Amino acid sequence: HKLLQTCYSVMPNGLPGNDRYGSYSNWYVMASIGLYPLSAIEAKYEISFPFFNNVTVQTTTEPLTIKGGTTNMDQLSFVFDGKQSNSAAIAFTKFSKGGHLEIFR
């Protein structure tokens, strides 16, 4: 979260470097919602704690809702459509058609 808060802003110098192809902007959006692409080949996303409490992303079919929560756990975990996982990643095919993702730390 510190990087999101210190390196990005709405000022003219609010993007670090050249954002010609949108890679910095893409990273900011994905990191803010708690998902980051690990590999384009495998289509897996690493789960991180979202910057926002609740986010809704419109997919091609149903919305994907992402909710951040806190627990006393030392490890990040998530529940997708009612199924808990302690993995650090989720396949794109699982959430590409919408659903509910709750991320705990």
PDB file of N, CA and C in Angstrom:
ATOM      1  N   HIS A   1       0.817  -1.192   0.000  1.00  0.00           N
ATOM      2  CA  HIS A   1       0.000   0.000   0.000  1.00  0.00           C
ATOM      3  C   HIS A   1       0.863   1.260   0.000  1.00  0.00           C
ATOM      4  N   LYS A   2       2.049   1.176   0.595  1.00  0.00           N
ATOM      5  CA  LYS A   2       2.905   2.354   0.663  1.00  0.00           C
ATOM      6  C   LYS A   2       3.288   2.828  -0.736  1.00  0.00           C
ATOM      7  N   LEU A   3       3.615   1.912  -1.624  1.00  0.00           N
ATOM      8  CA  LEU A   3       3.965   2.271  -2.994  1.00  0.00           C
ATOM      9  C   LEU A   3       2.793   2.943  -3.701  1.00  0.00           C
ATOM     10  N   LEU A   4       1.592   2.421  -3.499  1.00  0.00           N
ATOM     11  CA  LEU A   4       0.407   3.025  -4.109  1.00  0.00           C
ATOM     12  C   LEU A   4       0.201   4.453  -3.615  1.00  0.00           C
ATOM     13  N   GLN A   5       0.477   4.689  -2.354  1.00  0.00           N
ATOM     14  CA  GLN A   5       0.231   6.003  -1.759  1.00  0.00           C
ATOM     15  C   GLN A   5       1.344   7.008  -2.030  1.00  0.00           C
ATOM     16  N   THR A   6       2.572   6.541  -2.218  1.00  0.00           N
ATOM     17  CA  THR A   6       3.691   7.472  -2.348  1.00  0.00           C
ATOM     18  C   THR A   6       4.153   7.711  -3.777  1.00  0.00           C
ATOM     19  N   CYS A   7       3.929   6.789  -4.678  1.00  0.00           N
ATOM     20  CA  CYS A   7       4.451   6.931  -6.042  1.00  0.00           C
ATOM     21  C   CYS A   7       3.410   7.335  -7.074  1.00  0.00           C
ATOM     22  N   TYR A   8       2.149   7.329  -6.721  1.00  0.00           N
ATOM     23  CA  TYR A   8       1.081   7.661  -7.663  1.00  0.00           C
ATOM     24  C   TYR A   8       0.250   8.809  -7.104  1.00  0.00           C
ATOM     25  N   SER A   9      -0.153   9.723  -7.994  1.00  0.00           N
ATOM     26  CA  SER A   9      -1.035  10.819  -7.584  1.00  0.00           C
ATOM     27  C   SER A   9      -1.741  11.376  -8.816  1.00  0.00           C
ATOM     28  N   VAL A  10      -2.592  12.363  -8.613  1.00  0.00           N
ATOM     29  CA  VAL A  10      -3.291  13.011  -9.727  1.00  0.00           C
ATOM     30  C   VAL A  10      -2.504  14.201 -10.267  1.00  0.00           C
ATOM     31  N   MET A  11      -1.325  14.433  -9.758  1.00  0.00           N
ATOM     32  CA  MET A  11      -0.480  15.538 -10.208  1.00  0.00           C
ATOM     33  C   MET A  11       0.174  15.174 -11.548  1.00  0.00           C
ATOM     34  N   PRO A  12       0.710  16.166 -12.276  1.00  0.00           N
ATOM     35  CA  PRO A  12       1.358  15.875 -13.566  1.00  0.00           C
ATOM     36  C   PRO A  12       2.481  14.843 -13.468  1.00  0.00           C
ATOM     37  N   ASN A  13       3.162  14.773 -12.344  1.00  0.00           N
ATOM     38  CA  ASN A  13       4.220  13.770 -12.161  1.00  0.00           C
ATOM     39  C   ASN A  13       3.714  12.566 -11.366  1.00  0.00           C
ATOM     40  N   GLY A  14       2.431  12.285 -11.441  1.00  0.00           N
ATOM     41  CA  GLY A  14       1.806  11.244 -10.630  1.00  0.00           C
ATOM     42  C   GLY A  14       2.047   9.819 -11.078  1.00  0.00           C
ATOM     43  N   LEU A  15       2.718   9.630 -12.214  1.00  0.00           N
ATOM     44  CA  LEU A  15       3.071   8.284 -12.679  1.00  0.00           C
ATOM     45  C   LEU A  15       4.586   8.155 -12.697  1.00  0.00           C
ATOM     46  N   PRO A  16       5.128   7.073 -12.141  1.00  0.00           N
ATOM     47  CA  PRO A  16       6.580   6.902 -12.149  1.00  0.00           C
ATOM     48  C   PRO A  16       7.058   6.457 -13.531  1.00  0.00           C
ATOM     49  N   GLY A  17       7.695   7.325 -14.263  1.00  0.00           N
ATOM     50  CA  GLY A  17       8.233   6.954 -15.574  1.00  0.00           C
ATOM     51  C   GLY A  17       7.240   7.169 -16.699  1.00  0.00           C
ATOM     52  N   ASN A  18       7.469   6.481 -17.793  1.00  0.00           N
ATOM     53  CA  ASN A  18       6.666   6.622 -19.002  1.00  0.00           C
ATOM     54  C   ASN A  18       5.564   5.571 -19.006  1.00  0.00           C
ATOM     55  N   ASP A  19       4.328   5.993 -19.069  1.00  0.00           N
ATOM     56  CA  ASP A  19       3.186   5.069 -19.045  1.00  0.00           C
ATOM     57  C   ASP A  19       2.576   4.912 -20.440  1.00  0.00           C
ATOM     58  N   ARG A  20       3.411   4.964 -21.447  1.00  0.00           N
ATOM     59  CA  ARG A  20       2.943   4.942 -22.826  1.00  0.00           C
ATOM     60  C   ARG A  20       2.048   3.743 -23.129  1.00  0.00           C
ATOM     61  N   TYR A  21       2.370   2.594 -22.636  1.00  0.00           N
ATOM     62  CA  TYR A  21       1.588   1.393 -22.927  1.00  0.00           C
ATOM     63  C   TYR A  21       0.670   0.988 -21.778  1.00  0.00           C
ATOM     64  N   GLY A  22       0.567   1.807 -20.775  1.00  0.00           N
ATOM     65  CA  GLY A  22      -0.363   1.559 -19.688  1.00  0.00           C
ATOM     66  C   GLY A  22       0.094   0.553 -18.652  1.00  0.00           C
ATOM     67  N   SER A  23       1.362   0.156 -18.683  1.00  0.00           N
ATOM     68  CA  SER A  23       1.804  -0.878 -17.743  1.00  0.00           C
ATOM     69  C   SER A  23       1.787  -0.386 -16.299  1.00  0.00           C
ATOM     70  N   TYR A  24       2.185   0.850 -16.054  1.00  0.00           N
ATOM     71  CA  TYR A  24       2.151   1.368 -14.686  1.00  0.00           C
ATOM     72  C   TYR A  24       0.717   1.555 -14.207  1.00  0.00           C
ATOM     73  N   SER A  25      -0.121   2.085 -15.082  1.00  0.00           N
ATOM     74  CA  SER A  25      -1.530   2.270 -14.715  1.00  0.00           C
ATOM     75  C   SER A  25      -2.202   0.932 -14.457  1.00  0.00           C
ATOM     76  N   ASN A  26      -1.901  -0.054 -15.295  1.00  0.00           N
ATOM     77  CA  ASN A  26      -2.455  -1.395 -15.116  1.00  0.00           C
ATOM     78  C   ASN A  26      -2.005  -1.981 -13.784  1.00  0.00           C
ATOM     79  N   TRP A  27      -0.719  -1.841 -13.468  1.00  0.00           N
ATOM     80  CA  TRP A  27      -0.217  -2.362 -12.200  1.00  0.00           C
ATOM     81  C   TRP A  27      -0.958  -1.701 -11.040  1.00  0.00           C
ATOM     82  N   TYR A  28      -1.144  -0.386 -11.112  1.00  0.00           N
ATOM     83  CA  TYR A  28      -1.815   0.336 -10.031  1.00  0.00           C
ATOM     84  C   TYR A  28      -3.233  -0.185  -9.813  1.00  0.00           C
ATOM     85  N   VAL A  29      -3.992  -0.334 -10.884  1.00  0.00           N
ATOM     86  CA  VAL A  29      -5.378  -0.805 -10.768  1.00  0.00           C
ATOM     87  C   VAL A  29      -5.414  -2.222 -10.212  1.00  0.00           C
ATOM     88  N   MET A  30      -4.615  -3.109 -10.774  1.00  0.00           N
ATOM     89  CA  MET A  30      -4.626  -4.505 -10.324  1.00  0.00           C
ATOM     90  C   MET A  30      -4.165  -4.629  -8.871  1.00  0.00           C
ATOM     91  N   ALA A  31      -3.113  -3.906  -8.497  1.00  0.00           N
ATOM     92  CA  ALA A  31      -2.640  -3.952  -7.105  1.00  0.00           C
ATOM     93  C   ALA A  31      -3.691  -3.378  -6.158  1.00  0.00           C
ATOM     94  N   SER A  32      -4.401  -2.359  -6.595  1.00  0.00           N
ATOM     95  CA  SER A  32      -5.426  -1.738  -5.751  1.00  0.00           C
ATOM     96  C   SER A  32      -6.593  -2.668  -5.451  1.00  0.00           C
ATOM     97  N   ILE A  33      -6.920  -3.549  -6.402  1.00  0.00           N
ATOM     98  CA  ILE A  33      -8.055  -4.451  -6.173  1.00  0.00           C
ATOM     99  C   ILE A  33      -7.635  -5.805  -5.609  1.00  0.00           C
ATOM    100  N   GLY A  34      -6.327  -6.013  -5.409  1.00  0.00           N
ATOM    101  CA  GLY A  34      -5.854  -7.237  -4.770  1.00  0.00           C
ATOM    102  C   GLY A  34      -5.527  -8.378  -5.711  1.00  0.00           C
ATOM    103  N   LEU A  35      -5.442  -8.112  -7.005  1.00  0.00           N
ATOM    104  CA  LEU A  35      -5.101  -9.143  -7.988  1.00  0.00           C
ATOM    105  C   LEU A  35      -3.919  -8.672  -8.822  1.00  0.00           C
ATOM    106  N   TYR A  36      -2.971  -9.572  -9.085  1.00  0.00           N
ATOM    107  CA  TYR A  36      -1.853  -9.209  -9.945  1.00  0.00           C
ATOM    108  C   TYR A  36      -1.491 -10.409 -10.809  1.00  0.00           C
ATOM    109  N   PRO A  37      -1.388 -10.214 -12.132  1.00  0.00           N
ATOM    110  CA  PRO A  37      -1.093 -11.344 -13.014  1.00  0.00           C
ATOM    111  C   PRO A  37       0.309 -11.899 -12.761  1.00  0.00           C
ATOM    112  N   LEU A  38       0.376 -13.187 -12.449  1.00  0.00           N
ATOM    113  CA  LEU A  38       1.665 -13.845 -12.245  1.00  0.00           C
ATOM    114  C   LEU A  38       2.325 -14.175 -13.569  1.00  0.00           C
ATOM    115  N   SER A  39       1.540 -14.717 -14.486  1.00  0.00           N
ATOM    116  CA  SER A  39       2.074 -15.164 -15.764  1.00  0.00           C
ATOM    117  C   SER A  39       0.965 -15.144 -16.801  1.00  0.00           C
ATOM    118  N   ALA A  40       1.243 -14.539 -17.934  1.00  0.00           N
ATOM    119  CA  ALA A  40       0.247 -14.521 -19.011  1.00  0.00           C
ATOM    120  C   ALA A  40       0.056 -15.916 -19.594  1.00  0.00           C
ATOM    121  N   ILE A  41       1.061 -16.745 -19.507  1.00  0.00           N
ATOM    122  CA  ILE A  41       0.979 -18.099 -20.051  1.00  0.00           C
ATOM    123  C   ILE A  41       0.035 -18.962 -19.228  1.00  0.00           C
ATOM    124  N   GLU A  42       0.141 -18.891 -17.905  1.00  0.00           N
ATOM    125  CA  GLU A  42      -0.694 -19.716 -17.035  1.00  0.00           C
ATOM    126  C   GLU A  42      -2.023 -19.061 -16.672  1.00  0.00           C
ATOM    127  N   ALA A  43      -2.162 -17.781 -16.897  1.00  0.00           N
ATOM    128  CA  ALA A  43      -3.375 -17.022 -16.552  1.00  0.00           C
ATOM    129  C   ALA A  43      -3.752 -17.195 -15.081  1.00  0.00           C
ATOM    130  N   LYS A  44      -2.759 -16.988 -14.206  1.00  0.00           N
ATOM    131  CA  LYS A  44      -2.980 -17.022 -12.763  1.00  0.00           C
ATOM    132  C   LYS A  44      -2.715 -15.644 -12.188  1.00  0.00           C
ATOM    133  N   TYR A  45      -3.458 -15.318 -11.153  1.00  0.00           N
ATOM    134  CA  TYR A  45      -3.314 -14.032 -10.489  1.00  0.00           C
ATOM    135  C   TYR A  45      -2.920 -14.238  -9.042  1.00  0.00           C
ATOM    136  N   GLU A  46      -1.933 -13.477  -8.588  1.00  0.00           N
ATOM    137  CA  GLU A  46      -1.541 -13.509  -7.186  1.00  0.00           C
ATOM    138  C   GLU A  46      -2.544 -12.679  -6.389  1.00  0.00           C
ATOM    139  N   ILE A  47      -2.900 -13.193  -5.239  1.00  0.00           N
ATOM    140  CA  ILE A  47      -3.834 -12.506  -4.356  1.00  0.00           C
ATOM    141  C   ILE A  47      -3.036 -11.650  -3.377  1.00  0.00           C
ATOM    142  N   SER A  48      -3.427 -10.406  -3.248  1.00  0.00           N
ATOM    143  CA  SER A  48      -2.851  -9.526  -2.233  1.00  0.00           C
ATOM    144  C   SER A  48      -4.005  -8.779  -1.569  1.00  0.00           C
ATOM    145  N   PHE A  49      -3.720  -8.118  -0.484  1.00  0.00           N
ATOM    146  CA  PHE A  49      -4.798  -7.432   0.219  1.00  0.00           C
ATOM    147  C   PHE A  49      -5.191  -6.182  -0.561  1.00  0.00           C
ATOM    148  N   PRO A  50      -6.482  -6.007  -0.863  1.00  0.00           N
ATOM    149  CA  PRO A  50      -6.904  -4.853  -1.661  1.00  0.00           C
ATOM    150  C   PRO A  50      -6.786  -3.532  -0.903  1.00  0.00           C
ATOM    151  N   PHE A  51      -6.567  -2.483  -1.656  1.00  0.00           N
ATOM    152  CA  PHE A  51      -6.478  -1.133  -1.109  1.00  0.00           C
ATOM    153  C   PHE A  51      -7.854  -0.632  -0.679  1.00  0.00           C
ATOM    154  N   PHE A  52      -8.892  -1.100  -1.344  1.00  0.00           N
ATOM    155  CA  PHE A  52     -10.266  -0.681  -1.077  1.00  0.00           C
ATOM    156  C   PHE A  52     -10.996  -1.756  -0.279  1.00  0.00           C
ATOM    157  N   ASN A  53     -12.002  -1.362   0.496  1.00  0.00           N
ATOM    158  CA  ASN A  53     -12.793  -2.331   1.260  1.00  0.00           C
ATOM    159  C   ASN A  53     -13.681  -3.178   0.360  1.00  0.00           C
ATOM    160  N   ASN A  54     -14.276  -2.554  -0.639  1.00  0.00           N
ATOM    161  CA  ASN A  54     -15.164  -3.254  -1.577  1.00  0.00           C
ATOM    162  C   ASN A  54     -14.923  -2.737  -2.986  1.00  0.00           C
ATOM    163  N   VAL A  55     -14.842  -3.660  -3.933  1.00  0.00           N
ATOM    164  CA  VAL A  55     -14.646  -3.314  -5.340  1.00  0.00           C
ATOM    165  C   VAL A  55     -15.571  -4.192  -6.168  1.00  0.00           C
ATOM    166  N   THR A  56     -16.164  -3.617  -7.199  1.00  0.00           N
ATOM    167  CA  THR A  56     -16.944  -4.400  -8.152  1.00  0.00           C
ATOM    168  C   THR A  56     -16.340  -4.200  -9.531  1.00  0.00           C
ATOM    169  N   VAL A  57     -16.005  -5.315 -10.178  1.00  0.00           N
ATOM    170  CA  VAL A  57     -15.437  -5.297 -11.524  1.00  0.00           C
ATOM    171  C   VAL A  57     -16.456  -5.937 -12.451  1.00  0.00           C
ATOM    172  N   GLN A  58     -16.803  -5.256 -13.522  1.00  0.00           N
ATOM    173  CA  GLN A  58     -17.753  -5.822 -14.478  1.00  0.00           C
ATOM    174  C   GLN A  58     -17.001  -6.745 -15.436  1.00  0.00           C
ATOM    175  N   THR A  59     -17.336  -8.023 -15.428  1.00  0.00           N
ATOM    176  CA  THR A  59     -16.757  -8.973 -16.374  1.00  0.00           C
ATOM    177  C   THR A  59     -17.695  -9.069 -17.573  1.00  0.00           C
ATOM    178  N   THR A  60     -17.394  -9.959 -18.499  1.00  0.00           N
ATOM    179  CA  THR A  60     -18.241 -10.079 -19.690  1.00  0.00           C
ATOM    180  C   THR A  60     -19.603 -10.671 -19.375  1.00  0.00           C
ATOM    181  N   THR A  61     -19.740 -11.333 -18.234  1.00  0.00           N
ATOM    182  CA  THR A  61     -21.033 -11.922 -17.872  1.00  0.00           C
ATOM    183  C   THR A  61     -21.586 -11.309 -16.590  1.00  0.00           C
ATOM    184  N   GLU A  62     -21.095 -11.732 -15.457  1.00  0.00           N
ATOM    185  CA  GLU A  62     -21.576 -11.263 -14.150  1.00  0.00           C
ATOM    186  C   GLU A  62     -20.495 -10.419 -13.475  1.00  0.00           C
ATOM    187  N   PRO A  63     -20.875  -9.558 -12.524  1.00  0.00           N
ATOM    188  CA  PRO A  63     -19.865  -8.770 -11.810  1.00  0.00           C
ATOM    189  C   PRO A  63     -19.015  -9.634 -10.880  1.00  0.00           C
ATOM    190  N   LEU A  64     -17.775  -9.215 -10.710  1.00  0.00           N
ATOM    191  CA  LEU A  64     -16.872  -9.805  -9.731  1.00  0.00           C
ATOM    192  C   LEU A  64     -16.786  -8.813  -8.583  1.00  0.00           C
ATOM    193  N   THR A  65     -17.167  -9.239  -7.389  1.00  0.00           N
ATOM    194  CA  THR A  65     -17.044  -8.373  -6.222  1.00  0.00           C
ATOM    195  C   THR A  65     -15.857  -8.839  -5.397  1.00  0.00           C
ATOM    196  N   ILE A  66     -15.072  -7.889  -4.946  1.00  0.00           N
ATOM    197  CA  ILE A  66     -13.886  -8.175  -4.143  1.00  0.00           C
ATOM    198  C   ILE A  66     -14.036  -7.412  -2.837  1.00  0.00           C
ATOM    199  N   LYS A  67     -13.895  -8.124  -1.739  1.00  0.00           N
ATOM    200  CA  LYS A  67     -14.032  -7.519  -0.416  1.00  0.00           C
ATOM    201  C   LYS A  67     -12.793  -7.846   0.401  1.00  0.00           C
ATOM    202  N   GLY A  68     -12.241  -6.843   1.049  1.00  0.00           N
ATOM    203  CA  GLY A  68     -11.105  -7.050   1.935  1.00  0.00           C
ATOM    204  C   GLY A  68     -11.590  -7.192   3.362  1.00  0.00           C
ATOM    205  N   GLY A  69     -11.016  -8.106   4.103  1.00  0.00           N
ATOM    206  CA  GLY A  69     -11.397  -8.321   5.492  1.00  0.00           C
ATOM    207  C   GLY A  69     -10.163  -8.557   6.336  1.00  0.00           C
ATOM    208  N   THR A  70     -10.318  -8.529   7.631  1.00  0.00           N
ATOM    209  CA  THR A  70      -9.185  -8.799   8.508  1.00  0.00           C
ATOM    210  C   THR A  70      -9.554  -9.906   9.481  1.00  0.00           C
ATOM    211  N   THR A  71      -8.572 -10.676   9.826  1.00  0.00           N
ATOM    212  CA  THR A  71      -8.714 -11.721  10.841  1.00  0.00           C
ATOM    213  C   THR A  71      -7.438 -11.724  11.664  1.00  0.00           C
ATOM    214  N   ASN A  72      -7.311 -12.659  12.561  1.00  0.00           N
ATOM    215  CA  ASN A  72      -6.088 -12.791  13.341  1.00  0.00           C
ATOM    216  C   ASN A  72      -5.087 -13.725  12.675  1.00  0.00           C
ATOM    217  N   MET A  73      -5.330 -14.072  11.430  1.00  0.00           N
ATOM    218  CA  MET A  73      -4.436 -14.994  10.737  1.00  0.00           C
ATOM    219  C   MET A  73      -3.124 -14.302  10.385  1.00  0.00           C
ATOM    220  N   ASP A  74      -2.030 -15.049  10.442  1.00  0.00           N
ATOM    221  CA  ASP A  74      -0.729 -14.518  10.044  1.00  0.00           C
ATOM    222  C   ASP A  74      -0.561 -14.571   8.532  1.00  0.00           C
ATOM    223  N   GLN A  75      -1.366 -15.366   7.890  1.00  0.00           N
ATOM    224  CA  GLN A  75      -1.224 -15.636   6.469  1.00  0.00           C
ATOM    225  C   GLN A  75      -2.434 -15.099   5.710  1.00  0.00           C
ATOM    226  N   LEU A  76      -2.189 -14.620   4.501  1.00  0.00           N
ATOM    227  CA  LEU A  76      -3.273 -14.166   3.641  1.00  0.00           C
ATOM    228  C   LEU A  76      -4.054 -15.378   3.148  1.00  0.00           C
ATOM    229  N   SER A  77      -5.361 -15.289   3.157  1.00  0.00           N
ATOM    230  CA  SER A  77      -6.195 -16.356   2.605  1.00  0.00           C
ATOM    231  C   SER A  77      -7.386 -15.708   1.924  1.00  0.00           C
ATOM    232  N   PHE A  78      -8.089 -16.499   1.135  1.00  0.00           N
ATOM    233  CA  PHE A  78      -9.254 -15.942   0.459  1.00  0.00           C
ATOM    234  C   PHE A  78     -10.350 -16.974   0.323  1.00  0.00           C
ATOM    235  N   VAL A  79     -11.561 -16.471   0.156  1.00  0.00           N
ATOM    236  CA  VAL A  79     -12.737 -17.293  -0.088  1.00  0.00           C
ATOM    237  C   VAL A  79     -13.309 -16.826  -1.418  1.00  0.00           C
ATOM    238  N   PHE A  80     -13.482 -17.764  -2.355  1.00  0.00           N
ATOM    239  CA  PHE A  80     -14.092 -17.419  -3.631  1.00  0.00           C
ATOM    240  C   PHE A  80     -15.369 -18.224  -3.786  1.00  0.00           C
ATOM    241  N   ASP A  81     -16.469 -17.519  -3.917  1.00  0.00           N
ATOM    242  CA  ASP A  81     -17.792 -18.143  -4.028  1.00  0.00           C
ATOM    243  C   ASP A  81     -18.025 -19.202  -2.952  1.00  0.00           C
ATOM    244  N   GLY A  82     -17.641 -18.861  -1.711  1.00  0.00           N
ATOM    245  CA  GLY A  82     -17.901 -19.729  -0.571  1.00  0.00           C
ATOM    246  C   GLY A  82     -16.874 -20.813  -0.317  1.00  0.00           C
ATOM    247  N   LYS A  83     -15.845 -20.936  -1.165  1.00  0.00           N
ATOM    248  CA  LYS A  83     -14.817 -21.968  -0.987  1.00  0.00           C
ATOM    249  C   LYS A  83     -13.517 -21.320  -0.537  1.00  0.00           C
ATOM    250  N   GLN A  84     -13.018 -21.737   0.649  1.00  0.00           N
ATOM    251  CA  GLN A  84     -11.796 -21.164   1.212  1.00  0.00           C
ATOM    252  C   GLN A  84     -10.554 -21.753   0.560  1.00  0.00           C
ATOM    253  N   SER A  85      -9.529 -20.915   0.434  1.00  0.00           N
ATOM    254  CA  SER A  85      -8.245 -21.349  -0.096  1.00  0.00           C
ATOM    255  C   SER A  85      -7.139 -20.665   0.682  1.00  0.00           C
ATOM    256  N   ASN A  86      -6.060 -21.372   0.941  1.00  0.00           N
ATOM    257  CA  ASN A  86      -4.878 -20.780   1.553  1.00  0.00           C
ATOM    258  C   ASN A  86      -3.785 -20.565   0.527  1.00  0.00           C
ATOM    259  N   SER A  87      -4.111 -20.773  -0.724  1.00  0.00           N
ATOM    260  CA  SER A  87      -3.176 -20.548  -1.815  1.00  0.00           C
ATOM    261  C   SER A  87      -2.939 -19.053  -1.973  1.00  0.00           C
ATOM    262  N   ALA A  88      -1.839 -18.706  -2.607  1.00  0.00           N
ATOM    263  CA  ALA A  88      -1.547 -17.294  -2.867  1.00  0.00           C
ATOM    264  C   ALA A  88      -1.997 -16.874  -4.258  1.00  0.00           C
ATOM    265  N   ALA A  89      -2.588 -17.798  -5.015  1.00  0.00           N
ATOM    266  CA  ALA A  89      -2.961 -17.483  -6.395  1.00  0.00           C
ATOM    267  C   ALA A  89      -4.334 -18.051  -6.735  1.00  0.00           C
ATOM    268  N   ILE A  90      -4.931 -17.458  -7.772  1.00  0.00           N
ATOM    269  CA  ILE A  90      -6.222 -17.920  -8.269  1.00  0.00           C
ATOM    270  C   ILE A  90      -6.166 -17.906  -9.795  1.00  0.00           C
ATOM    271  N   ALA A  91      -6.747 -18.913 -10.413  1.00  0.00           N
ATOM    272  CA  ALA A  91      -6.773 -18.998 -11.876  1.00  0.00           C
ATOM    273  C   ALA A  91      -7.771 -17.995 -12.445  1.00  0.00           C
ATOM    274  N   PHE A  92      -7.411 -17.387 -13.561  1.00  0.00           N
ATOM    275  CA  PHE A  92      -8.279 -16.413 -14.224  1.00  0.00           C
ATOM    276  C   PHE A  92      -9.634 -17.020 -14.563  1.00  0.00           C
ATOM    277  N   THR A  93      -9.654 -18.292 -14.933  1.00  0.00           N
ATOM    278  CA  THR A  93     -10.914 -18.941 -15.314  1.00  0.00           C
ATOM    279  C   THR A  93     -11.898 -19.003 -14.157  1.00  0.00           C
ATOM    280  N   LYS A  94     -11.402 -18.962 -12.925  1.00  0.00           N
ATOM    281  CA  LYS A  94     -12.301 -19.021 -11.766  1.00  0.00           C
ATOM    282  C   LYS A  94     -13.103 -17.741 -11.595  1.00  0.00           C
ATOM    283  N   PHE A  95     -12.494 -16.592 -11.839  1.00  0.00           N
ATOM    284  CA  PHE A  95     -13.209 -15.339 -11.587  1.00  0.00           C
ATOM    285  C   PHE A  95     -13.556 -14.548 -12.844  1.00  0.00           C
ATOM    286  N   SER A  96     -13.192 -15.046 -14.007  1.00  0.00           N
ATOM    287  CA  SER A  96     -13.423 -14.288 -15.241  1.00  0.00           C
ATOM    288  C   SER A  96     -14.898 -14.123 -15.591  1.00  0.00           C
ATOM    289  N   LYS A  97     -15.741 -14.966 -15.033  1.00  0.00           N
ATOM    290  CA  LYS A  97     -17.180 -14.865 -15.308  1.00  0.00           C
ATOM    291  C   LYS A  97     -17.941 -14.282 -14.125  1.00  0.00           C
ATOM    292  N   GLY A  98     -17.216 -13.663 -13.208  1.00  0.00           N
ATOM    293  CA  GLY A  98     -17.847 -13.045 -12.052  1.00  0.00           C
ATOM    294  C   GLY A  98     -17.779 -13.925 -10.824  1.00  0.00           C
ATOM    295  N   GLY A  99     -18.323 -13.431  -9.741  1.00  0.00           N
ATOM    296  CA  GLY A  99     -18.326 -14.166  -8.482  1.00  0.00           C
ATOM    297  C   GLY A  99     -18.023 -13.233  -7.326  1.00  0.00           C
ATOM    298  N   HIS A 100     -17.760 -13.833  -6.173  1.00  0.00           N
ATOM    299  CA  HIS A 100     -17.477 -13.052  -4.972  1.00  0.00           C
ATOM    300  C   HIS A 100     -16.159 -13.524  -4.378  1.00  0.00           C
ATOM    301  N   LEU A 101     -15.200 -12.620  -4.281  1.00  0.00           N
ATOM    302  CA  LEU A 101     -13.881 -12.910  -3.735  1.00  0.00           C
ATOM    303  C   LEU A 101     -13.703 -12.106  -2.455  1.00  0.00           C
ATOM    304  N   GLU A 102     -13.447 -12.809  -1.358  1.00  0.00           N
ATOM    305  CA  GLU A 102     -13.195 -12.142  -0.079  1.00  0.00           C
ATOM    306  C   GLU A 102     -11.782 -12.490   0.353  1.00  0.00           C
ATOM    307  N   ILE A 103     -10.981 -11.462   0.600  1.00  0.00           N
ATOM    308  CA  ILE A 103      -9.569 -11.641   0.923  1.00  0.00           C
ATOM    309  C   ILE A 103      -9.353 -11.252   2.384  1.00  0.00           C
ATOM    310  N   PHE A 104      -8.705 -12.144   3.135  1.00  0.00           N
ATOM    311  CA  PHE A 104      -8.442 -11.930   4.562  1.00  0.00           C
ATOM    312  C   PHE A 104      -6.950 -11.847   4.797  1.00  0.00           C
ATOM    313  N   ARG A 105      -6.585 -11.066   5.785  1.00  0.00           N
ATOM    314  CA  ARG A 105      -5.193 -11.087   6.231  1.00  0.00           C
ATOM    315  C   ARG A 105      -5.161 -11.146   7.729  1.00  0.00           C
TER     316      ARG A 105
END
